[in-house]
Amino acid sequence: MHRDRTEIAQRSHSHASVSRGGRQARVPDTFVFSAADEERRRGVRRMKATATGLLVLVALVYVFAKWAQQDWGAGGWAAYVAAAAEAGMVGALADWFAVTALFRRPLGLPIPHTAIIPTKKDQLGVSLGEFVGENFLSPDVVRARLHALGIGRRLGAWLAEPAHADRVTAELATALRGALTVLRDSDVQAVVGEVITRRAEAVEIAPGVGKTLERIVVDGGHRRVVDLVCVKAHDWLVTHADSISDAVQGGAPGWTPRFVDRKVGERVYKELLRFVTEMRDMPDHPARGAVDRFLTDFAADLQSDTETRLRVERLKSEILARDEIQDVIASAWTAIRTMIISAAEDEQSELRLRVRASLLSLGARLATDGRLQAKVEGWIEGALVYVVTTYRAEVTSLITDTVASWDAEHTSRKIEAHIGRDLQFIRINGTVVGALAGLLIHTASTAFGA
C-alpha cells in the first residue's frame, strides 16, 4: 500500500510539470493528482473498456448477422439484427467521437472543433466568469436569495438560545483579547495621547467652565467647599500658632524691639484666628459674600471676557504640554487595556454578562419583531449588494485568471478524471439507442415495402 501511494505521488509529481514552448511550466499544486484522482481515473478507464467492449460486441453481432444472411441463407431475422447492430455501431462511434473531442483530438487527427477543453480553456474561463457574474453576483439575485432565506428571523431564533448567546459572547471575548494582544501598547498610547491632546486643544474650555461654575454658585454648591476650607484653615491655625508668630517676627524690621515683634505676631494671629472662626461659624459673613461675588464675576468673565478666556486657553496649553500630563494621558490606555482584558477573561464579569444579556434580548426581538427583522435584513442585503456591485469584476476576474493559469493538457486530464466516467455512459446509451433506432427504421422500411 505504501509503495502504491509512493508511485501515485511520483506520477502526480511528474504531471506537475509540463512542457510549454520548450520550457518546463509549473502546474499549480492544486492540480497535482491525488490518490482520489487516481481512483477516479481507474474508474474512467473501466467505463471506457465497457463502452468499447459494447462497440466491439455490436460489431461482432453485425458481422455474424451478415455472415448468417449471406452464407447460411438465414431468414429475415438476420436483416433485423444486422440493421440494429449497424446503427448501434454508428451511434457508438458518433458518441465516442463527441466524448473524445471534448478532451483531445480523436485519433490524433487535426479535425476542427475537437480538443475543446484544451484549446478553449481560456474562453471557457471567461464564459464561466461571465455566467457567475450575471447569474450569481447580480444585485437582484443577491437580494432575492437573501430575502428568501429570512436571515433576520433565523438569526434571532439562533441568538435567543442561551447556549448560542454564550458561544457568541465567548467568541467575542476571544477576539477582543486577541486584538488587544496584537496591538502594540506604544502605538496605541501614542494615538490615544494625540487624540486626547488634539481634542482638548481644539475645544475652548473657558465658556463651558464658566457655565458650570455659574450653575454651581447659583445652586450654592460651592459653599461646601468654602465650609471645608474654613474648617481646615481654623484647625491649622489652632495647631500652628507658633508658626504664624514666627513668620510675623521674621518679617519685622531689624530695628524694632523683640517684644514688640512678639506682641504684633500674637495680635496678627488672634485677629486671623477670629476672622477664620467667624467665617466658619457665620453663613452670612461678609467674606463669604465676597467669595460668592468673586465666583459669579469670574464665571461671567470665563464666558464673555476675551482676555480671561485667552488666559485660560494659554494655561490649558501649558498644562497639556507638560510631560507629566502626557504620561498620565498615555498611561490611560494601559489601565483601560488591563481592565478590558480582565473583564473579557472573567465569565462572570459585568462586561460579559451585559453582552450576553444584550445578545439574548436582541435574539428575542429579532425572532418576533418583523420591523427589526426587515431592518437587519435590509442592512445585510445592502452590505452584500454593495460588495457584489463593487467587487463583481474582481470576483469574475479571479475565476478567469485562475482558469487561464491552468495548464491545458493537465486541466483536460483533471476534468476527465472527474466527469469522464459519466461521459462513458453517453457512449453506452448511444450504442443502445442507435441499435433501437436502426431496428425501428428497418422495421418501418420493411413494413412499408421500401
Protein backbone atom coordinates (compact mmCIF):
# COMPACT_ATOMS: atom_id res chain seq x y z
CA MET A 1 0.00 0.00 0.00
CA HIS A 2 2.83 2.36 0.86
CA ARG A 3 4.56 1.60 -2.46
CA ASP A 4 1.32 2.27 -4.35
CA ARG A 5 0.95 5.63 -2.70
CA THR A 6 4.59 6.42 -3.48
CA GLU A 7 4.07 5.56 -7.14
CA ILE A 8 0.94 7.68 -7.26
CA ALA A 9 2.82 10.59 -5.71
CA GLN A 10 5.65 10.15 -8.21
CA ARG A 11 3.24 10.04 -11.14
CA SER A 12 1.46 13.07 -9.74
CA HIS A 13 4.74 14.91 -9.40
CA SER A 14 5.69 14.02 -12.94
CA HIS A 15 2.38 15.51 -14.11
CA ALA A 16 3.01 18.68 -12.10
CA SER A 17 5.49 19.97 -14.71
CA VAL A 18 4.56 20.03 -18.37
CA SER A 19 6.45 21.24 -21.38
CA ARG A 20 5.32 24.58 -22.77
CA GLY A 21 7.23 26.18 -25.61
CA GLY A 22 10.36 24.18 -24.84
CA ARG A 23 10.29 25.21 -21.17
CA GLN A 24 9.02 23.46 -18.10
CA ALA A 25 5.90 25.22 -16.77
CA ARG A 26 4.96 24.51 -13.21
CA VAL A 27 1.37 23.36 -12.77
CA PRO A 28 -0.39 24.71 -9.67
CA ASP A 29 -0.12 22.38 -6.68
CA THR A 30 -3.90 22.15 -6.53
CA PHE A 31 -3.77 20.28 -9.86
CA VAL A 32 -1.41 17.56 -8.74
CA PHE A 33 -3.22 14.23 -8.99
CA SER A 34 -4.18 12.88 -5.61
CA ALA A 35 -4.95 9.31 -4.64
CA ALA A 36 -8.65 10.09 -5.10
CA ASP A 37 -7.95 11.41 -8.60
CA GLU A 38 -6.07 8.25 -9.48
CA GLU A 39 -9.01 6.18 -8.29
CA ARG A 40 -11.33 8.27 -10.47
CA ARG A 41 -9.06 7.73 -13.48
CA ARG A 42 -9.18 3.99 -12.92
CA GLY A 43 -12.95 4.21 -12.88
CA VAL A 44 -12.87 6.15 -16.15
CA ARG A 45 -10.66 3.51 -17.74
CA ARG A 46 -13.03 0.73 -16.63
CA MET A 47 -16.01 2.55 -18.11
CA LYS A 48 -14.08 3.22 -21.32
CA ALA A 49 -13.33 -0.50 -21.57
CA THR A 50 -17.01 -1.28 -21.00
CA ALA A 51 -18.17 1.17 -23.68
CA THR A 52 -15.52 -0.04 -26.13
CA GLY A 53 -16.40 -3.64 -25.37
CA LEU A 54 -20.03 -2.91 -26.19
CA LEU A 55 -18.93 -1.39 -29.52
CA VAL A 56 -16.89 -4.50 -30.30
CA LEU A 57 -19.85 -6.65 -29.33
CA VAL A 58 -22.29 -4.94 -31.73
CA ALA A 59 -19.60 -5.07 -34.46
CA LEU A 60 -19.30 -8.83 -33.96
CA VAL A 61 -23.08 -9.14 -33.97
CA TYR A 62 -23.20 -7.20 -37.24
CA VAL A 63 -20.55 -9.46 -38.82
CA PHE A 64 -22.33 -12.57 -37.58
CA ALA A 65 -25.70 -11.37 -38.86
CA LYS A 66 -24.31 -10.54 -42.31
CA TRP A 67 -22.49 -13.85 -42.48
CA ALA A 68 -25.61 -15.74 -41.45
CA GLN A 69 -27.66 -13.83 -44.01
CA GLN A 70 -25.30 -14.44 -46.94
CA ASP A 71 -23.73 -17.84 -46.23
CA TRP A 72 -26.41 -19.58 -44.23
CA GLY A 73 -29.33 -18.16 -46.07
CA ALA A 74 -30.86 -17.10 -42.81
CA GLY A 75 -34.30 -15.62 -42.86
CA GLY A 76 -35.47 -12.05 -42.23
CA TRP A 77 -34.31 -12.04 -38.61
CA ALA A 78 -30.69 -11.69 -39.72
CA ALA A 79 -31.53 -8.48 -41.56
CA TYR A 80 -33.19 -7.05 -38.47
CA VAL A 81 -30.20 -7.97 -36.32
CA ALA A 82 -27.75 -6.57 -38.86
CA ALA A 83 -29.68 -3.29 -39.11
CA ALA A 84 -29.78 -2.91 -35.32
CA ALA A 85 -26.08 -3.77 -34.95
CA GLU A 86 -25.10 -1.42 -37.78
CA ALA A 87 -27.00 1.51 -36.27
CA GLY A 88 -25.56 0.65 -32.84
CA MET A 89 -22.05 0.88 -34.26
CA VAL A 90 -22.85 4.24 -35.83
CA GLY A 91 -24.25 5.57 -32.56
CA ALA A 92 -21.31 4.24 -30.56
CA LEU A 93 -18.75 5.73 -32.95
CA ALA A 94 -20.53 9.08 -33.08
CA ASP A 95 -20.70 9.37 -29.30
CA TRP A 96 -17.11 8.14 -28.94
CA PHE A 97 -16.08 10.96 -31.27
CA ALA A 98 -18.17 13.51 -29.35
CA VAL A 99 -16.83 12.48 -25.92
CA THR A 100 -13.24 12.20 -27.09
CA ALA A 101 -13.39 15.56 -28.86
CA LEU A 102 -14.01 17.25 -25.52
CA PHE A 103 -10.57 16.33 -24.18
CA ARG A 104 -8.31 15.53 -27.16
CA ARG A 105 -8.19 15.14 -30.95
CA PRO A 106 -9.74 11.79 -31.98
CA LEU A 107 -7.01 9.51 -33.35
CA GLY A 108 -4.68 12.50 -33.21
CA LEU A 109 -6.24 13.99 -36.36
CA PRO A 110 -6.41 17.82 -36.58
CA ILE A 111 -10.17 17.84 -37.01
CA PRO A 112 -11.76 21.28 -36.44
CA HIS A 113 -13.70 21.83 -33.22
CA THR A 114 -12.03 18.98 -31.34
CA ALA A 115 -9.92 19.01 -28.15
CA ILE A 116 -12.40 21.61 -26.96
CA ILE A 117 -11.29 21.84 -23.32
CA PRO A 118 -7.53 22.20 -24.01
CA THR A 119 -7.96 24.67 -26.87
CA LYS A 120 -10.92 26.62 -25.50
CA LYS A 121 -9.85 26.61 -21.84
CA ASP A 122 -9.38 30.37 -21.60
CA GLN A 123 -12.64 31.10 -23.40
CA LEU A 124 -14.42 28.67 -21.08
CA GLY A 125 -12.90 30.53 -18.11
CA VAL A 126 -14.19 33.84 -19.43
CA SER A 127 -17.62 32.35 -20.10
CA LEU A 128 -17.69 30.80 -16.63
CA GLY A 129 -16.76 34.12 -15.06
CA GLU A 130 -19.46 35.94 -17.01
CA PHE A 131 -22.00 33.26 -16.14
CA VAL A 132 -21.22 33.53 -12.42
CA GLY A 133 -21.28 37.33 -12.58
CA GLU A 134 -24.62 37.52 -14.40
CA ASN A 135 -26.46 34.72 -12.62
CA PHE A 136 -24.99 34.65 -9.11
CA LEU A 137 -23.50 38.09 -8.45
CA SER A 138 -26.21 40.38 -9.75
CA PRO A 139 -27.88 42.67 -7.17
CA ASP A 140 -31.37 41.35 -7.91
CA VAL A 141 -30.30 37.74 -7.45
CA VAL A 142 -28.50 38.50 -4.19
CA ARG A 143 -31.44 40.45 -2.78
CA ALA A 144 -33.97 37.80 -3.79
CA ARG A 145 -31.89 34.98 -2.34
CA LEU A 146 -31.21 36.76 0.93
CA HIS A 147 -34.85 37.80 1.26
CA ALA A 148 -35.98 34.22 0.74
CA LEU A 149 -33.62 33.00 3.46
CA GLY A 150 -35.23 35.16 6.17
CA ILE A 151 -31.87 35.86 7.79
CA GLY A 152 -33.29 38.21 10.43
CA ARG A 153 -35.76 35.70 11.83
CA ARG A 154 -33.27 32.82 11.71
CA LEU A 155 -30.54 34.88 13.34
CA GLY A 156 -32.94 35.99 16.06
CA ALA A 157 -34.08 32.44 16.81
CA TRP A 158 -30.46 31.29 16.91
CA LEU A 159 -29.30 34.09 19.21
CA ALA A 160 -32.28 33.61 21.52
CA GLU A 161 -30.85 30.25 22.59
CA PRO A 162 -28.73 30.73 25.76
CA ALA A 163 -26.10 28.27 24.55
CA HIS A 164 -25.66 30.20 21.32
CA ALA A 165 -25.50 33.53 23.15
CA ASP A 166 -22.82 32.05 25.43
CA ARG A 167 -20.87 30.89 22.38
CA VAL A 168 -21.04 34.28 20.67
CA THR A 169 -20.04 36.01 23.90
CA ALA A 170 -17.05 33.71 24.31
CA GLU A 171 -16.01 34.22 20.69
CA LEU A 172 -16.29 37.99 21.03
CA ALA A 173 -14.23 37.87 24.23
CA THR A 174 -11.56 35.77 22.49
CA ALA A 175 -11.48 38.14 19.51
CA LEU A 176 -11.24 41.14 21.83
CA ARG A 177 -8.37 39.60 23.79
CA GLY A 178 -6.61 38.70 20.57
CA ALA A 179 -6.98 42.20 19.16
CA LEU A 180 -5.69 43.80 22.36
CA THR A 181 -2.77 41.36 22.46
CA VAL A 182 -1.76 42.09 18.88
CA LEU A 183 -1.88 45.86 19.33
CA ARG A 184 1.38 47.43 20.44
CA ASP A 185 0.93 49.45 23.61
CA SER A 186 3.35 52.14 22.49
CA ASP A 187 1.44 52.71 19.24
CA VAL A 188 -1.94 52.82 20.95
CA GLN A 189 -0.64 55.08 23.71
CA ALA A 190 0.72 57.48 21.12
CA VAL A 191 -2.59 57.53 19.26
CA VAL A 192 -4.64 57.93 22.44
CA GLY A 193 -2.37 60.72 23.66
CA GLU A 194 -2.55 62.51 20.33
CA VAL A 195 -6.33 62.18 20.09
CA ILE A 196 -6.95 63.43 23.62
CA THR A 197 -4.46 66.28 23.28
CA ARG A 198 -5.75 67.33 19.88
CA ARG A 199 -9.34 67.17 21.07
CA ALA A 200 -8.55 69.19 24.18
CA GLU A 201 -6.65 71.82 22.17
CA ALA A 202 -9.41 72.09 19.57
CA VAL A 203 -12.18 72.78 22.10
CA GLU A 204 -12.28 76.03 24.06
CA ILE A 205 -12.94 75.12 27.68
CA ALA A 206 -13.43 78.55 29.24
CA PRO A 207 -17.13 79.03 28.31
CA GLY A 208 -18.04 75.54 29.48
CA VAL A 209 -16.17 76.00 32.73
CA GLY A 210 -17.86 79.37 33.18
CA LYS A 211 -21.35 77.94 32.71
CA THR A 212 -20.62 75.09 35.09
CA LEU A 213 -19.22 77.45 37.73
CA GLU A 214 -22.23 79.76 37.33
CA ARG A 215 -24.63 76.87 37.97
CA ILE A 216 -22.63 75.75 41.00
CA VAL A 217 -22.72 79.26 42.52
CA VAL A 218 -26.45 79.67 41.84
CA ASP A 219 -27.19 76.29 43.45
CA GLY A 220 -24.87 77.05 46.39
CA GLY A 221 -22.74 74.02 45.71
CA HIS A 222 -19.53 75.99 46.32
CA ARG A 223 -20.49 76.67 49.95
CA ARG A 224 -19.49 73.18 50.99
CA VAL A 225 -16.04 73.83 49.61
CA VAL A 226 -15.87 77.17 51.46
CA ASP A 227 -17.02 75.44 54.68
CA LEU A 228 -14.35 72.77 54.29
CA VAL A 229 -11.63 75.37 53.64
CA CYS A 230 -12.69 77.40 56.70
CA VAL A 231 -12.71 74.33 58.95
CA LYS A 232 -9.31 73.18 57.72
CA ALA A 233 -7.88 76.71 57.98
CA HIS A 234 -9.17 77.08 61.57
CA ASP A 235 -7.76 73.72 62.60
CA TRP A 236 -4.42 74.53 61.00
CA LEU A 237 -4.24 77.91 62.76
CA VAL A 238 -5.01 76.32 66.12
CA THR A 239 -2.29 73.73 65.59
CA HIS A 240 0.37 76.07 64.18
CA ALA A 241 0.03 79.21 66.31
CA ASP A 242 3.81 79.46 66.81
CA SER A 243 4.39 79.28 63.08
CA ILE A 244 2.24 82.37 62.48
CA SER A 245 4.02 84.35 65.23
CA ASP A 246 7.44 83.32 63.97
CA ALA A 247 6.51 84.30 60.42
CA VAL A 248 5.41 87.80 61.54
CA GLN A 249 8.52 88.28 63.68
CA GLY A 250 10.78 87.09 60.90
CA GLY A 251 9.36 89.73 58.55
CA ALA A 252 9.66 92.63 61.03
CA PRO A 253 12.39 95.30 60.61
CA GLY A 254 15.60 94.65 62.44
CA TRP A 255 15.45 97.88 64.46
CA THR A 256 12.14 97.05 66.25
CA PRO A 257 12.36 95.55 69.73
CA ARG A 258 11.77 91.84 70.06
CA PHE A 259 8.87 92.16 72.49
CA VAL A 260 7.13 94.49 70.04
CA ASP A 261 7.52 91.94 67.26
CA ARG A 262 6.14 89.29 69.60
CA LYS A 263 3.12 91.41 70.51
CA VAL A 264 2.44 92.17 66.86
CA GLY A 265 2.72 88.50 65.95
CA GLU A 266 0.30 87.49 68.70
CA ARG A 267 -2.10 90.21 67.64
CA VAL A 268 -2.00 89.16 63.99
CA TYR A 269 -2.56 85.55 64.96
CA LYS A 270 -5.55 86.36 67.16
CA GLU A 271 -7.15 88.54 64.52
CA LEU A 272 -6.57 85.94 61.83
CA LEU A 273 -8.00 83.19 64.04
CA ARG A 274 -11.01 85.35 64.88
CA PHE A 275 -11.63 86.12 61.22
CA VAL A 276 -11.45 82.44 60.18
CA THR A 277 -13.62 81.38 63.14
CA GLU A 278 -16.30 83.91 62.31
CA MET A 279 -16.21 82.98 58.68
CA ARG A 280 -16.56 79.32 59.63
CA ASP A 281 -19.46 79.90 62.01
CA MET A 282 -21.36 82.67 60.20
CA PRO A 283 -23.09 81.63 56.94
CA ASP A 284 -23.75 85.32 56.21
CA HIS A 285 -20.22 86.51 56.86
CA PRO A 286 -19.19 89.35 54.53
CA ALA A 287 -16.17 87.39 53.36
CA ARG A 288 -18.43 84.59 52.17
CA GLY A 289 -20.45 87.13 50.22
CA ALA A 290 -17.22 88.41 48.70
CA VAL A 291 -16.35 84.86 47.64
CA ASP A 292 -19.80 84.50 46.07
CA ARG A 293 -19.39 87.76 44.13
CA PHE A 294 -15.89 86.81 43.00
CA LEU A 295 -17.01 83.43 41.73
CA THR A 296 -20.03 84.96 39.99
CA ASP A 297 -17.90 87.59 38.28
CA PHE A 298 -15.26 85.01 37.36
CA ALA A 299 -17.92 82.73 35.82
CA ALA A 300 -19.20 85.63 33.75
CA ASP A 301 -15.66 86.57 32.64
CA LEU A 302 -15.00 82.98 31.58
CA GLN A 303 -17.98 83.18 29.27
CA SER A 304 -17.70 86.70 27.90
CA ASP A 305 -14.36 88.33 28.70
CA THR A 306 -11.87 87.78 25.87
CA GLU A 307 -8.76 88.34 27.98
CA THR A 308 -9.88 85.88 30.64
CA ARG A 309 -10.71 83.25 28.05
CA LEU A 310 -7.32 83.68 26.37
CA ARG A 311 -5.57 83.27 29.69
CA VAL A 312 -7.48 80.06 30.40
CA GLU A 313 -6.57 78.68 26.95
CA ARG A 314 -2.88 79.52 27.49
CA LEU A 315 -3.00 77.82 30.85
CA LYS A 316 -4.68 74.78 29.29
CA SER A 317 -1.99 74.54 26.61
CA GLU A 318 0.79 74.86 29.18
CA ILE A 319 -0.75 72.09 31.29
CA LEU A 320 -1.24 69.77 28.31
CA ALA A 321 2.33 70.33 27.18
CA ARG A 322 3.81 69.16 30.45
CA ASP A 323 5.45 65.74 30.31
CA GLU A 324 3.67 64.61 33.45
CA ILE A 325 0.25 65.23 31.88
CA GLN A 326 1.25 63.46 28.65
CA ASP A 327 2.46 60.47 30.66
CA VAL A 328 -0.86 60.34 32.52
CA ILE A 329 -2.80 60.51 29.24
CA ALA A 330 -0.66 57.81 27.63
CA SER A 331 -0.85 55.53 30.65
CA ALA A 332 -4.64 55.65 30.49
CA TRP A 333 -4.50 53.07 27.69
CA THR A 334 -2.62 50.61 29.87
CA ALA A 335 -5.26 50.85 32.57
CA ILE A 336 -8.10 50.55 30.05
CA ARG A 337 -6.44 47.59 28.31
CA THR A 338 -5.88 45.73 31.58
CA MET A 339 -9.45 46.36 32.64
CA ILE A 340 -10.91 45.16 29.32
CA ILE A 341 -8.77 42.00 29.18
CA SER A 342 -9.63 41.13 32.76
CA ALA A 343 -13.33 41.61 32.06
CA ALA A 344 -13.12 39.58 28.83
CA GLU A 345 -11.43 36.63 30.58
CA ASP A 346 -13.85 36.54 33.51
CA GLU A 347 -17.05 34.71 32.54
CA GLN A 348 -18.89 36.39 35.39
CA SER A 349 -17.65 39.89 34.68
CA GLU A 350 -20.15 42.68 34.24
CA LEU A 351 -18.97 43.18 30.67
CA ARG A 352 -19.60 39.60 29.55
CA LEU A 353 -22.86 39.35 31.46
CA ARG A 354 -24.13 42.53 29.82
CA VAL A 355 -23.03 41.36 26.37
CA ARG A 356 -24.76 38.01 26.89
CA ALA A 357 -27.94 39.67 28.12
CA SER A 358 -27.87 42.06 25.16
CA LEU A 359 -27.47 39.18 22.70
CA LEU A 360 -30.36 37.27 24.25
CA SER A 361 -32.54 40.37 24.17
CA LEU A 362 -31.57 41.08 20.58
CA GLY A 363 -32.29 37.49 19.59
CA ALA A 364 -35.73 37.54 21.22
CA ARG A 365 -36.63 40.77 19.45
CA LEU A 366 -35.31 39.59 16.12
CA ALA A 367 -37.29 36.38 16.36
CA THR A 368 -40.62 38.20 16.85
CA ASP A 369 -40.28 41.80 15.67
CA GLY A 370 -40.99 41.98 11.96
CA ARG A 371 -39.84 45.59 11.65
CA LEU A 372 -36.48 44.82 13.26
CA GLN A 373 -36.10 41.76 11.04
CA ALA A 374 -36.72 43.88 7.96
CA LYS A 375 -34.23 46.47 9.16
CA VAL A 376 -31.48 43.92 9.84
CA GLU A 377 -32.13 42.13 6.56
CA GLY A 378 -32.01 45.47 4.78
CA TRP A 379 -28.59 46.19 6.31
CA ILE A 380 -27.27 42.78 5.32
CA GLU A 381 -28.71 42.96 1.83
CA GLY A 382 -27.35 46.45 1.34
CA ALA A 383 -23.88 45.44 2.52
CA LEU A 384 -23.73 42.34 0.31
CA VAL A 385 -25.18 44.14 -2.70
CA TYR A 386 -22.54 46.83 -2.26
CA VAL A 387 -19.80 44.19 -2.13
CA VAL A 388 -21.22 42.37 -5.16
CA THR A 389 -21.64 45.57 -7.16
CA THR A 390 -18.24 46.95 -6.25
CA TYR A 391 -16.15 43.80 -6.47
CA ARG A 392 -18.00 41.68 -9.05
CA ALA A 393 -15.33 42.35 -11.66
CA GLU A 394 -12.62 41.22 -9.23
CA VAL A 395 -14.52 38.01 -8.42
CA THR A 396 -15.13 37.11 -12.05
CA SER A 397 -11.55 38.02 -12.98
CA LEU A 398 -10.39 35.69 -10.23
CA ILE A 399 -12.24 32.84 -11.98
CA THR A 400 -10.99 33.89 -15.41
CA ASP A 401 -7.37 34.38 -14.35
CA THR A 402 -7.32 31.17 -12.35
CA VAL A 403 -8.58 29.12 -15.30
CA ALA A 404 -6.15 30.90 -17.64
CA SER A 405 -3.24 29.97 -15.34
CA TRP A 406 -4.05 26.25 -15.57
CA ASP A 407 -2.08 24.09 -17.97
CA ALA A 408 -4.35 23.00 -20.84
CA GLU A 409 -3.33 19.34 -21.01
CA HIS A 410 -3.30 18.86 -17.28
CA THR A 411 -6.65 20.63 -16.94
CA SER A 412 -8.15 18.30 -19.54
CA ARG A 413 -6.92 15.22 -17.67
CA LYS A 414 -8.13 16.60 -14.36
CA ILE A 415 -11.63 17.32 -15.67
CA GLU A 416 -11.79 13.99 -17.46
CA ALA A 417 -10.90 12.23 -14.20
CA HIS A 418 -13.91 13.87 -12.53
CA ILE A 419 -16.59 13.60 -15.23
CA GLY A 420 -15.16 11.09 -17.70
CA ARG A 421 -16.86 8.09 -16.09
CA ASP A 422 -20.30 9.63 -16.53
CA LEU A 423 -19.48 10.62 -20.10
CA GLN A 424 -18.80 6.98 -20.98
CA PHE A 425 -22.47 6.28 -20.30
CA ILE A 426 -23.18 8.55 -23.26
CA ARG A 427 -21.28 6.10 -25.45
CA ILE A 428 -23.16 3.15 -23.97
CA ASN A 429 -26.50 4.90 -24.35
CA GLY A 430 -25.58 5.91 -27.90
CA THR A 431 -24.90 2.27 -28.77
CA VAL A 432 -28.19 1.08 -27.29
CA VAL A 433 -30.30 3.94 -28.65
CA GLY A 434 -28.62 3.64 -32.07
CA ALA A 435 -29.40 -0.08 -32.19
CA LEU A 436 -33.03 0.51 -31.26
CA ALA A 437 -33.34 3.32 -33.81
CA GLY A 438 -31.80 1.14 -36.53
CA LEU A 439 -34.17 -1.69 -35.67
CA LEU A 440 -37.15 0.67 -35.76
CA ILE A 441 -36.12 2.19 -39.08
CA HIS A 442 -35.55 -1.21 -40.68
CA THR A 443 -38.88 -2.43 -39.34
CA ALA A 444 -40.72 0.61 -40.73
CA SER A 445 -38.96 0.30 -44.08
CA THR A 446 -39.87 -3.38 -44.33
CA ALA A 447 -43.45 -2.74 -43.27
CA PHE A 448 -43.96 -0.08 -45.94
CA GLY A 449 -42.21 -2.10 -48.62
CA ALA A 450 -39.16 0.16 -49.01
